[in-house]
């Protein structure tokens, strides 16, 4: 078996000589920064799902106050329809809000899952890959369920954009984890070579 390591595709590390402790620390800091950004967005998405009735009412008033409803009538009509629907549904059947409470909770739970990659990105890279699949799954979900629920196409595009935008930090993190993995493999190879010299 060959002792020559191969640089993975997309790695930012050129070879064994460049895999220094400084490089590793820098890559780890970058991974953590991007992960904290993604976690913050997840937490924000979750927390904003709790006061849904208040938010939709404020959005409707904002659309009217800015004149956006006149400039984009379809958007104005849709925002007011959603606001009225949420107010009517929550007013008559407050237990419906329990569903969005669980949605909010799910976002917070998903955010908590990233504790693993924050501590050990290489070992827990599967969490990042799973999240990438989840972001990609937003697109077919919106395209399939949107028409079934009477959601207009332009709003389906808004929903899909969350998944696509969420992919950006995850792709960056995945690439950085690959580079970190390569650095660790090279370091382990050198340590082994020093401990067990070739005959």
N, C-alpha and C. Protein backbone atom coordinates (compact mmCIF):
# COMPACT_ATOMS: atom_id res chain seq x y z
N UNK A 1 0.85 -1.19 0.00
CA UNK A 1 0.00 0.00 0.00
C UNK A 1 0.88 1.24 0.00
N UNK A 2 0.52 2.22 -0.78
CA UNK A 2 1.33 3.43 -0.90
C UNK A 2 1.19 4.30 0.33
N UNK A 3 2.31 4.95 0.72
CA UNK A 3 2.30 5.88 1.85
C UNK A 3 2.01 7.30 1.40
N UNK A 4 1.80 7.52 0.10
CA UNK A 4 1.60 8.86 -0.43
C UNK A 4 0.14 9.24 -0.30
N UNK A 5 -0.11 10.32 0.43
CA UNK A 5 -1.50 10.80 0.58
C UNK A 5 -1.89 11.60 -0.63
N UNK A 6 -3.17 11.57 -0.96
CA UNK A 6 -3.69 12.30 -2.10
C UNK A 6 -4.51 13.48 -1.63
N UNK A 7 -4.27 14.66 -2.19
CA UNK A 7 -5.03 15.85 -1.81
C UNK A 7 -6.45 15.71 -2.32
N UNK A 8 -7.46 15.82 -1.46
CA UNK A 8 -8.84 15.71 -1.92
C UNK A 8 -9.22 16.86 -2.82
N UNK A 9 -10.16 16.59 -3.73
CA UNK A 9 -10.65 17.64 -4.62
C UNK A 9 -11.25 18.76 -3.81
N UNK A 10 -10.88 19.99 -4.14
CA UNK A 10 -11.41 21.15 -3.43
C UNK A 10 -10.63 21.52 -2.19
N UNK A 11 -9.56 20.76 -1.86
CA UNK A 11 -8.79 21.09 -0.67
C UNK A 11 -7.97 22.34 -0.90
N UNK A 12 -7.85 23.16 0.14
CA UNK A 12 -7.06 24.37 0.04
C UNK A 12 -5.64 24.14 0.52
N UNK A 13 -5.32 22.91 0.91
CA UNK A 13 -4.00 22.59 1.40
C UNK A 13 -3.19 21.93 0.30
N UNK A 14 -2.03 22.47 0.00
CA UNK A 14 -1.25 21.98 -1.12
C UNK A 14 -0.55 20.68 -0.80
N UNK A 15 -0.12 20.47 0.42
CA UNK A 15 0.58 19.24 0.74
C UNK A 15 1.05 19.24 2.17
N UNK A 16 1.87 18.21 2.57
CA UNK A 16 2.26 18.05 3.96
C UNK A 16 2.98 19.27 4.54
N UNK A 17 3.85 19.92 3.77
CA UNK A 17 4.65 21.01 4.30
C UNK A 17 3.80 22.20 4.73
N UNK A 18 2.61 22.37 4.14
CA UNK A 18 1.78 23.54 4.44
C UNK A 18 0.75 23.28 5.52
N UNK A 19 0.70 22.05 6.02
CA UNK A 19 -0.29 21.70 7.05
C UNK A 19 0.28 22.04 8.42
N UNK A 20 0.27 23.29 8.77
CA UNK A 20 0.83 23.74 10.04
C UNK A 20 -0.29 23.94 11.06
N UNK A 21 0.15 24.10 12.31
CA UNK A 21 -0.83 24.33 13.39
C UNK A 21 -1.57 25.64 13.16
N UNK A 22 -0.88 26.64 12.60
CA UNK A 22 -1.51 27.92 12.33
C UNK A 22 -2.61 27.77 11.30
N UNK A 23 -2.33 27.02 10.24
CA UNK A 23 -3.34 26.78 9.20
C UNK A 23 -4.56 26.09 9.79
N UNK A 24 -4.31 25.07 10.61
CA UNK A 24 -5.41 24.32 11.21
C UNK A 24 -6.27 25.21 12.09
N UNK A 25 -5.64 26.03 12.91
CA UNK A 25 -6.39 26.93 13.79
C UNK A 25 -7.21 27.94 12.98
N UNK A 26 -6.63 28.43 11.89
CA UNK A 26 -7.33 29.39 11.04
C UNK A 26 -8.56 28.75 10.40
N UNK A 27 -8.40 27.53 9.89
CA UNK A 27 -9.53 26.82 9.27
C UNK A 27 -10.62 26.56 10.29
N UNK A 28 -10.23 26.17 11.50
CA UNK A 28 -11.23 25.92 12.55
C UNK A 28 -12.01 27.19 12.90
N UNK A 29 -11.31 28.32 12.96
CA UNK A 29 -12.00 29.59 13.25
C UNK A 29 -13.00 29.92 12.15
N UNK A 30 -12.60 29.73 10.90
CA UNK A 30 -13.51 30.00 9.78
C UNK A 30 -14.72 29.10 9.81
N UNK A 31 -14.51 27.84 10.12
CA UNK A 31 -15.63 26.89 10.22
C UNK A 31 -16.60 27.36 11.29
N UNK A 32 -16.07 27.73 12.45
CA UNK A 32 -16.94 28.17 13.55
C UNK A 32 -17.71 29.43 13.20
N UNK A 33 -17.07 30.38 12.52
CA UNK A 33 -17.75 31.62 12.14
C UNK A 33 -18.93 31.34 11.23
N UNK A 34 -18.71 30.52 10.21
CA UNK A 34 -19.79 30.20 9.27
C UNK A 34 -20.89 29.39 9.94
N UNK A 35 -20.50 28.47 10.84
CA UNK A 35 -21.50 27.68 11.54
C UNK A 35 -22.34 28.55 12.47
N UNK A 36 -21.71 29.50 13.17
CA UNK A 36 -22.46 30.38 14.06
C UNK A 36 -23.43 31.25 13.27
N UNK A 37 -23.03 31.64 12.06
CA UNK A 37 -23.95 32.41 11.21
C UNK A 37 -25.17 31.57 10.86
N UNK A 38 -24.95 30.32 10.48
CA UNK A 38 -26.06 29.44 10.13
C UNK A 38 -26.94 29.16 11.34
N UNK A 39 -26.32 28.93 12.49
CA UNK A 39 -27.07 28.67 13.73
C UNK A 39 -27.92 29.89 14.10
N UNK A 40 -27.34 31.09 13.99
CA UNK A 40 -28.08 32.31 14.32
C UNK A 40 -29.30 32.47 13.42
N UNK A 41 -29.15 32.16 12.15
CA UNK A 41 -30.29 32.25 11.22
C UNK A 41 -31.37 31.24 11.57
N UNK A 42 -30.96 30.03 11.95
CA UNK A 42 -31.93 29.01 12.36
C UNK A 42 -32.69 29.44 13.61
N UNK A 43 -31.96 29.94 14.59
CA UNK A 43 -32.60 30.39 15.83
C UNK A 43 -33.56 31.54 15.56
N UNK A 44 -33.13 32.48 14.72
CA UNK A 44 -33.99 33.61 14.37
C UNK A 44 -35.26 33.14 13.66
N UNK A 45 -35.10 32.20 12.73
CA UNK A 45 -36.26 31.64 12.03
C UNK A 45 -37.21 30.96 13.01
N UNK A 46 -36.64 30.26 13.99
CA UNK A 46 -37.47 29.58 14.96
C UNK A 46 -38.22 30.54 15.86
N UNK A 47 -37.51 31.52 16.39
CA UNK A 47 -38.13 32.45 17.33
C UNK A 47 -39.22 33.29 16.66
N UNK A 48 -39.02 33.63 15.39
CA UNK A 48 -40.02 34.45 14.69
C UNK A 48 -41.26 33.65 14.29
N UNK A 49 -41.21 32.33 14.45
CA UNK A 49 -42.41 31.53 14.14
C UNK A 49 -43.40 31.52 15.30
N UNK A 50 -42.98 31.95 16.48
CA UNK A 50 -43.90 31.97 17.63
C UNK A 50 -44.95 33.08 17.50
N UNK A 51 -44.56 34.34 17.31
CA UNK A 51 -45.57 35.42 17.23
C UNK A 51 -46.08 35.64 15.81
N UNK A 52 -46.54 34.58 15.17
CA UNK A 52 -46.89 34.64 13.74
C UNK A 52 -48.03 35.62 13.46
N UNK A 53 -49.03 35.64 14.31
CA UNK A 53 -50.17 36.53 14.07
C UNK A 53 -49.74 37.99 14.15
N UNK A 54 -48.94 38.33 15.13
CA UNK A 54 -48.45 39.70 15.27
C UNK A 54 -47.61 40.09 14.06
N UNK A 55 -46.75 39.18 13.64
CA UNK A 55 -45.85 39.48 12.51
C UNK A 55 -46.59 39.67 11.19
N UNK A 56 -47.57 38.82 10.93
CA UNK A 56 -48.31 38.96 9.67
C UNK A 56 -49.14 40.24 9.66
N UNK A 57 -49.66 40.64 10.83
CA UNK A 57 -50.39 41.89 10.93
C UNK A 57 -49.47 43.09 10.68
N UNK A 58 -48.27 43.04 11.27
CA UNK A 58 -47.28 44.12 11.05
C UNK A 58 -46.83 44.18 9.60
N UNK A 59 -46.66 43.01 8.99
CA UNK A 59 -46.24 42.97 7.59
C UNK A 59 -47.29 43.60 6.69
N UNK A 60 -48.56 43.30 6.94
CA UNK A 60 -49.64 43.88 6.15
C UNK A 60 -49.66 45.40 6.27
N UNK A 61 -49.47 45.89 7.50
CA UNK A 61 -49.45 47.34 7.70
C UNK A 61 -48.23 47.98 7.03
N UNK A 62 -47.10 47.28 7.06
CA UNK A 62 -45.88 47.78 6.44
C UNK A 62 -46.03 47.87 4.92
N UNK A 63 -46.67 46.87 4.34
CA UNK A 63 -46.90 46.87 2.88
C UNK A 63 -47.77 48.06 2.49
N UNK A 64 -48.79 48.36 3.30
CA UNK A 64 -49.66 49.51 3.03
C UNK A 64 -48.92 50.84 3.23
N UNK A 65 -48.15 50.93 4.31
CA UNK A 65 -47.48 52.19 4.65
C UNK A 65 -46.40 52.55 3.64
N UNK A 66 -45.73 51.55 3.08
CA UNK A 66 -44.64 51.82 2.14
C UNK A 66 -45.12 51.98 0.71
N UNK A 67 -46.38 51.68 0.44
CA UNK A 67 -46.90 51.74 -0.92
C UNK A 67 -46.50 50.54 -1.76
N UNK A 68 -45.92 49.53 -1.10
CA UNK A 68 -45.49 48.33 -1.82
C UNK A 68 -46.68 47.56 -2.38
N UNK A 69 -47.80 47.64 -1.66
CA UNK A 69 -49.00 46.95 -2.13
C UNK A 69 -49.53 47.52 -3.43
N UNK A 70 -49.37 48.85 -3.60
CA UNK A 70 -49.81 49.49 -4.85
C UNK A 70 -48.85 49.16 -5.99
N UNK A 71 -47.55 49.16 -5.66
CA UNK A 71 -46.55 48.87 -6.69
C UNK A 71 -46.58 47.40 -7.11
N UNK A 72 -46.85 46.52 -6.15
CA UNK A 72 -46.92 45.07 -6.42
C UNK A 72 -48.25 44.55 -5.89
N UNK A 73 -49.30 44.71 -6.68
CA UNK A 73 -50.65 44.35 -6.18
C UNK A 73 -50.79 42.90 -5.77
N UNK A 74 -50.15 41.99 -6.52
CA UNK A 74 -50.25 40.56 -6.17
C UNK A 74 -49.66 40.30 -4.79
N UNK A 75 -48.51 40.94 -4.53
CA UNK A 75 -47.89 40.78 -3.22
C UNK A 75 -48.77 41.36 -2.12
N UNK A 76 -49.32 42.57 -2.35
CA UNK A 76 -50.18 43.19 -1.36
C UNK A 76 -51.41 42.34 -1.06
N UNK A 77 -52.02 41.80 -2.11
CA UNK A 77 -53.21 40.96 -1.93
C UNK A 77 -52.87 39.72 -1.13
N UNK A 78 -51.74 39.11 -1.46
CA UNK A 78 -51.34 37.87 -0.77
C UNK A 78 -51.02 38.12 0.70
N UNK A 79 -50.29 39.18 0.99
CA UNK A 79 -49.91 39.48 2.37
C UNK A 79 -51.16 39.74 3.22
N UNK A 80 -52.12 40.48 2.67
CA UNK A 80 -53.35 40.76 3.41
C UNK A 80 -54.18 39.49 3.58
N UNK A 81 -54.18 38.64 2.57
CA UNK A 81 -54.93 37.38 2.67
C UNK A 81 -54.34 36.51 3.77
N UNK A 82 -53.01 36.44 3.83
CA UNK A 82 -52.35 35.64 4.86
C UNK A 82 -52.62 36.22 6.24
N UNK A 83 -52.50 37.54 6.37
CA UNK A 83 -52.73 38.18 7.65
C UNK A 83 -54.15 37.93 8.15
N UNK A 84 -55.12 38.09 7.25
CA UNK A 84 -56.52 37.86 7.64
C UNK A 84 -56.77 36.39 7.96
N UNK A 85 -56.15 35.50 7.19
CA UNK A 85 -56.34 34.06 7.42
C UNK A 85 -55.77 33.63 8.76
N UNK A 86 -54.57 34.14 9.08
CA UNK A 86 -53.95 33.79 10.37
C UNK A 86 -54.78 34.36 11.52
N UNK A 87 -55.21 35.61 11.39
CA UNK A 87 -56.02 36.23 12.45
C UNK A 87 -57.33 35.49 12.65
N UNK A 88 -57.96 35.13 11.55
CA UNK A 88 -59.24 34.41 11.62
C UNK A 88 -59.04 33.02 12.22
N UNK A 89 -58.04 32.31 11.72
CA UNK A 89 -57.79 30.94 12.21
C UNK A 89 -57.39 30.92 13.67
N UNK A 90 -56.46 31.80 14.06
CA UNK A 90 -56.01 31.82 15.44
C UNK A 90 -57.11 32.34 16.37
N UNK A 91 -57.94 33.26 15.83
CA UNK A 91 -59.02 33.79 16.66
C UNK A 91 -60.08 32.75 16.96
N UNK A 92 -60.49 32.01 15.94
CA UNK A 92 -61.53 31.00 16.13
C UNK A 92 -60.98 29.70 16.71
N UNK A 93 -59.77 29.35 16.28
CA UNK A 93 -59.17 28.08 16.68
C UNK A 93 -57.73 28.31 17.12
N UNK A 94 -57.51 28.82 18.32
CA UNK A 94 -56.16 29.16 18.78
C UNK A 94 -55.20 27.98 18.82
N UNK A 95 -55.76 26.76 18.87
CA UNK A 95 -54.89 25.59 18.90
C UNK A 95 -54.10 25.42 17.61
N UNK A 96 -54.52 26.11 16.53
CA UNK A 96 -53.77 26.03 15.27
C UNK A 96 -52.35 26.60 15.45
N UNK A 97 -52.23 27.57 16.35
CA UNK A 97 -50.91 28.16 16.62
C UNK A 97 -49.96 27.13 17.21
N UNK A 98 -50.50 26.07 17.78
CA UNK A 98 -49.68 25.02 18.35
C UNK A 98 -48.80 24.37 17.27
N UNK A 99 -49.34 24.31 16.03
CA UNK A 99 -48.57 23.75 14.92
C UNK A 99 -47.33 24.58 14.61
N UNK A 100 -47.49 25.90 14.59
CA UNK A 100 -46.33 26.76 14.32
C UNK A 100 -45.40 26.82 15.51
N UNK A 101 -45.93 26.55 16.72
CA UNK A 101 -45.05 26.45 17.89
C UNK A 101 -44.09 25.27 17.72
N UNK A 102 -44.61 24.18 17.20
CA UNK A 102 -43.75 23.02 16.96
C UNK A 102 -42.76 23.30 15.83
N UNK A 103 -43.18 24.06 14.83
CA UNK A 103 -42.28 24.46 13.75
C UNK A 103 -41.11 25.28 14.32
N UNK A 104 -41.45 26.22 15.20
CA UNK A 104 -40.41 27.03 15.84
C UNK A 104 -39.46 26.17 16.65
N UNK A 105 -40.03 25.25 17.40
CA UNK A 105 -39.23 24.35 18.23
C UNK A 105 -38.29 23.50 17.38
N UNK A 106 -38.78 23.05 16.23
CA UNK A 106 -37.95 22.23 15.33
C UNK A 106 -36.72 23.00 14.86
N UNK A 107 -36.90 24.28 14.55
CA UNK A 107 -35.76 25.11 14.14
C UNK A 107 -34.71 25.19 15.26
N UNK A 108 -35.16 25.34 16.48
CA UNK A 108 -34.25 25.45 17.61
C UNK A 108 -33.52 24.13 17.85
N UNK A 109 -34.23 23.01 17.68
CA UNK A 109 -33.62 21.70 17.86
C UNK A 109 -32.56 21.45 16.79
N UNK A 110 -32.89 21.83 15.54
CA UNK A 110 -31.91 21.66 14.46
C UNK A 110 -30.66 22.51 14.74
N UNK A 111 -30.88 23.72 15.23
CA UNK A 111 -29.73 24.57 15.56
C UNK A 111 -28.86 23.92 16.63
N UNK A 112 -29.48 23.26 17.60
CA UNK A 112 -28.71 22.61 18.67
C UNK A 112 -27.86 21.46 18.13
N UNK A 113 -28.28 20.85 17.02
CA UNK A 113 -27.53 19.73 16.45
C UNK A 113 -26.15 20.15 15.96
N UNK A 114 -25.96 21.45 15.73
CA UNK A 114 -24.68 21.93 15.22
C UNK A 114 -23.63 22.10 16.31
N UNK A 115 -23.98 21.74 17.53
CA UNK A 115 -22.97 21.74 18.60
C UNK A 115 -21.85 20.75 18.28
N UNK A 116 -22.25 19.63 17.64
CA UNK A 116 -21.25 18.62 17.26
C UNK A 116 -20.21 19.16 16.30
N UNK A 117 -20.62 19.71 15.15
CA UNK A 117 -19.64 20.29 14.23
C UNK A 117 -18.83 21.43 14.82
N UNK A 118 -19.40 22.19 15.74
CA UNK A 118 -18.64 23.26 16.38
C UNK A 118 -17.48 22.69 17.19
N UNK A 119 -17.70 21.56 17.84
CA UNK A 119 -16.67 20.96 18.69
C UNK A 119 -15.68 20.13 17.88
N UNK A 120 -16.19 19.31 16.96
CA UNK A 120 -15.31 18.45 16.17
C UNK A 120 -15.87 18.38 14.75
N UNK A 121 -15.48 19.32 13.89
CA UNK A 121 -16.08 19.40 12.55
C UNK A 121 -15.85 18.17 11.69
N UNK A 122 -14.67 17.58 11.76
CA UNK A 122 -14.36 16.43 10.90
C UNK A 122 -15.21 15.23 11.29
N UNK A 123 -15.27 14.93 12.57
CA UNK A 123 -16.04 13.77 13.02
C UNK A 123 -17.54 13.97 12.79
N UNK A 124 -18.01 15.21 12.88
CA UNK A 124 -19.45 15.49 12.76
C UNK A 124 -19.82 16.16 11.44
N UNK A 125 -19.02 15.90 10.41
CA UNK A 125 -19.32 16.48 9.10
C UNK A 125 -20.66 15.99 8.57
N UNK A 126 -21.11 14.84 9.05
CA UNK A 126 -22.39 14.29 8.60
C UNK A 126 -23.55 15.24 8.92
N UNK A 127 -23.43 16.01 10.01
CA UNK A 127 -24.48 16.97 10.36
C UNK A 127 -24.58 18.04 9.28
N UNK A 128 -23.42 18.51 8.81
CA UNK A 128 -23.40 19.53 7.75
C UNK A 128 -23.98 18.96 6.46
N UNK A 129 -23.62 17.71 6.13
CA UNK A 129 -24.15 17.08 4.91
C UNK A 129 -25.66 16.87 5.01
N UNK A 130 -26.11 16.48 6.19
CA UNK A 130 -27.56 16.30 6.40
C UNK A 130 -28.29 17.63 6.23
N UNK A 131 -27.71 18.71 6.77
CA UNK A 131 -28.32 20.03 6.65
C UNK A 131 -28.34 20.49 5.19
N UNK A 132 -27.31 20.14 4.42
CA UNK A 132 -27.28 20.48 3.00
C UNK A 132 -28.42 19.78 2.26
N UNK A 133 -28.64 18.52 2.59
CA UNK A 133 -29.77 17.78 1.99
C UNK A 133 -31.10 18.41 2.38
N UNK A 134 -31.21 18.83 3.64
CA UNK A 134 -32.45 19.47 4.11
C UNK A 134 -32.71 20.76 3.36
N UNK A 135 -31.65 21.57 3.16
CA UNK A 135 -31.81 22.83 2.41
C UNK A 135 -32.23 22.55 0.98
N UNK A 136 -31.63 21.54 0.37
CA UNK A 136 -32.02 21.17 -0.99
C UNK A 136 -33.45 20.67 -1.06
N UNK A 137 -33.91 20.01 0.01
CA UNK A 137 -35.27 19.48 0.04
C UNK A 137 -36.34 20.56 0.14
N UNK A 138 -35.95 21.78 0.49
CA UNK A 138 -36.90 22.89 0.55
C UNK A 138 -37.50 23.15 -0.83
N UNK A 139 -36.70 22.98 -1.88
CA UNK A 139 -37.17 23.29 -3.24
C UNK A 139 -38.31 22.38 -3.66
N UNK A 140 -38.15 21.04 -3.64
CA UNK A 140 -39.29 20.19 -4.04
C UNK A 140 -40.49 20.33 -3.10
N UNK A 141 -40.22 20.56 -1.81
CA UNK A 141 -41.34 20.73 -0.86
C UNK A 141 -42.20 21.92 -1.26
N UNK A 142 -41.55 23.06 -1.56
CA UNK A 142 -42.30 24.26 -1.95
C UNK A 142 -43.03 24.05 -3.27
N UNK A 143 -42.38 23.39 -4.21
CA UNK A 143 -43.00 23.19 -5.53
C UNK A 143 -44.15 22.20 -5.50
N UNK A 144 -44.10 21.25 -4.58
CA UNK A 144 -45.17 20.24 -4.49
C UNK A 144 -46.30 20.73 -3.59
N UNK A 145 -45.94 21.16 -2.38
CA UNK A 145 -46.97 21.53 -1.40
C UNK A 145 -47.55 22.92 -1.65
N UNK A 146 -46.74 23.82 -2.25
CA UNK A 146 -47.23 25.18 -2.52
C UNK A 146 -48.51 25.19 -3.33
N UNK A 147 -48.53 24.56 -4.52
CA UNK A 147 -49.76 24.54 -5.32
C UNK A 147 -50.93 23.83 -4.61
N UNK A 148 -50.61 22.79 -3.84
CA UNK A 148 -51.66 22.06 -3.13
C UNK A 148 -52.33 22.93 -2.07
N UNK A 149 -51.58 23.88 -1.51
CA UNK A 149 -52.10 24.74 -0.44
C UNK A 149 -52.53 26.11 -0.95
N UNK A 150 -52.49 26.29 -2.26
CA UNK A 150 -52.93 27.57 -2.83
C UNK A 150 -51.94 28.70 -2.64
N UNK A 151 -50.66 28.38 -2.50
CA UNK A 151 -49.62 29.41 -2.34
C UNK A 151 -49.17 29.86 -3.72
N UNK A 152 -49.17 31.16 -4.01
CA UNK A 152 -48.77 31.63 -5.35
C UNK A 152 -47.30 31.32 -5.64
N UNK A 153 -46.99 31.23 -6.93
CA UNK A 153 -45.64 30.84 -7.35
C UNK A 153 -44.57 31.78 -6.83
N UNK A 154 -44.85 33.11 -6.84
CA UNK A 154 -43.81 34.04 -6.40
C UNK A 154 -43.46 33.82 -4.93
N UNK A 155 -44.46 33.40 -4.11
CA UNK A 155 -44.17 33.15 -2.70
C UNK A 155 -43.47 31.80 -2.52
N UNK A 156 -43.75 30.87 -3.41
CA UNK A 156 -43.00 29.61 -3.38
C UNK A 156 -41.52 29.89 -3.64
N UNK A 157 -41.24 30.84 -4.54
CA UNK A 157 -39.85 31.22 -4.83
C UNK A 157 -39.20 31.85 -3.60
N UNK A 158 -39.97 32.65 -2.86
CA UNK A 158 -39.45 33.23 -1.62
C UNK A 158 -39.07 32.12 -0.65
N UNK A 159 -39.96 31.14 -0.51
CA UNK A 159 -39.69 30.01 0.40
C UNK A 159 -38.47 29.22 -0.06
N UNK A 160 -38.37 28.97 -1.38
CA UNK A 160 -37.23 28.20 -1.90
C UNK A 160 -35.93 28.94 -1.68
N UNK A 161 -35.97 30.26 -1.69
CA UNK A 161 -34.74 31.04 -1.52
C UNK A 161 -34.10 30.80 -0.16
N UNK A 162 -34.92 30.49 0.87
CA UNK A 162 -34.35 30.22 2.18
C UNK A 162 -33.46 28.98 2.14
N UNK A 163 -33.92 27.95 1.43
CA UNK A 163 -33.10 26.75 1.31
C UNK A 163 -31.84 26.98 0.51
N UNK A 164 -31.97 27.74 -0.58
CA UNK A 164 -30.81 28.00 -1.44
C UNK A 164 -29.79 28.90 -0.75
N UNK A 165 -30.28 29.92 -0.05
CA UNK A 165 -29.37 30.80 0.68
C UNK A 165 -28.70 30.04 1.83
N UNK A 166 -29.46 29.16 2.48
CA UNK A 166 -28.90 28.36 3.56
C UNK A 166 -27.79 27.44 3.10
N UNK A 167 -27.84 27.04 1.83
CA UNK A 167 -26.80 26.16 1.29
C UNK A 167 -25.44 26.85 1.23
N UNK A 168 -25.43 28.16 1.06
CA UNK A 168 -24.16 28.89 0.85
C UNK A 168 -23.19 28.70 2.02
N UNK A 169 -23.57 29.04 3.28
CA UNK A 169 -22.62 28.82 4.38
C UNK A 169 -22.28 27.35 4.58
N UNK A 170 -23.24 26.46 4.30
CA UNK A 170 -22.98 25.04 4.49
C UNK A 170 -21.96 24.51 3.48
N UNK A 171 -22.03 24.99 2.25
CA UNK A 171 -21.04 24.59 1.23
C UNK A 171 -19.66 25.10 1.60
N UNK A 172 -19.59 26.33 2.12
CA UNK A 172 -18.30 26.88 2.55
C UNK A 172 -17.74 26.05 3.70
N UNK A 173 -18.60 25.73 4.68
CA UNK A 173 -18.17 24.93 5.82
C UNK A 173 -17.70 23.55 5.38
N UNK A 174 -18.43 22.94 4.47
CA UNK A 174 -18.05 21.61 4.00
C UNK A 174 -16.68 21.62 3.34
N UNK A 175 -16.42 22.64 2.53
CA UNK A 175 -15.12 22.77 1.87
C UNK A 175 -14.00 22.96 2.90
N UNK A 176 -14.27 23.77 3.92
CA UNK A 176 -13.27 24.00 4.97
C UNK A 176 -13.02 22.74 5.79
N UNK A 177 -14.08 21.97 6.04
CA UNK A 177 -13.91 20.72 6.78
C UNK A 177 -13.06 19.73 5.98
N UNK A 178 -13.26 19.68 4.67
CA UNK A 178 -12.42 18.84 3.82
C UNK A 178 -10.95 19.23 3.93
N UNK A 179 -10.68 20.54 3.95
CA UNK A 179 -9.31 21.02 4.09
C UNK A 179 -8.75 20.64 5.45
N UNK A 180 -9.57 20.79 6.52
CA UNK A 180 -9.13 20.43 7.86
C UNK A 180 -8.87 18.93 7.96
N UNK A 181 -9.74 18.15 7.34
CA UNK A 181 -9.57 16.70 7.33
C UNK A 181 -8.25 16.30 6.68
N UNK A 182 -7.92 16.98 5.59
CA UNK A 182 -6.66 16.71 4.89
C UNK A 182 -5.47 17.08 5.77
N UNK A 183 -5.54 18.21 6.45
CA UNK A 183 -4.46 18.63 7.33
C UNK A 183 -4.25 17.63 8.46
N UNK A 184 -5.33 17.12 9.03
CA UNK A 184 -5.23 16.15 10.11
C UNK A 184 -4.66 14.83 9.61
N UNK A 185 -5.06 14.43 8.40
CA UNK A 185 -4.54 13.18 7.82
C UNK A 185 -3.04 13.27 7.58
N UNK A 186 -2.60 14.42 7.06
CA UNK A 186 -1.17 14.62 6.79
C UNK A 186 -0.38 14.63 8.09
N UNK A 187 -0.92 15.30 9.12
CA UNK A 187 -0.25 15.36 10.42
C UNK A 187 -0.14 13.97 11.03
N UNK A 188 -1.22 13.18 10.96
CA UNK A 188 -1.20 11.82 11.50
C UNK A 188 -0.21 10.95 10.74
N UNK A 189 -0.12 11.13 9.43
CA UNK A 189 0.81 10.36 8.61
C UNK A 189 2.26 10.67 9.01
N UNK A 190 2.56 11.95 9.24
CA UNK A 190 3.91 12.34 9.64
C UNK A 190 4.26 11.81 11.02
N UNK A 191 3.30 11.88 11.95
CA UNK A 191 3.53 11.37 13.29
C UNK A 191 3.81 9.88 13.26
N UNK A 192 3.07 9.15 12.43
CA UNK A 192 3.26 7.71 12.32
C UNK A 192 4.61 7.39 11.70
N UNK A 193 4.98 8.17 10.67
CA UNK A 193 6.24 7.93 9.98
C UNK A 193 7.43 8.16 10.93
N UNK A 194 7.32 9.16 11.83
CA UNK A 194 8.39 9.41 12.78
C UNK A 194 8.47 8.32 13.85
N UNK A 195 7.28 7.82 14.27
CA UNK A 195 7.25 6.80 15.31
C UNK A 195 7.70 5.44 14.79
N UNK A 196 7.33 5.13 13.55
CA UNK A 196 7.67 3.83 12.96
C UNK A 196 8.44 4.07 11.68
N UNK A 197 9.76 4.25 11.77
CA UNK A 197 10.55 4.52 10.55
C UNK A 197 10.55 3.31 9.61
N UNK A 198 10.63 3.60 8.32
CA UNK A 198 10.64 2.53 7.32
C UNK A 198 11.92 1.73 7.44
N UNK A 199 11.87 0.38 7.28
CA UNK A 199 13.07 -0.45 7.38
C UNK A 199 14.01 -0.20 6.18
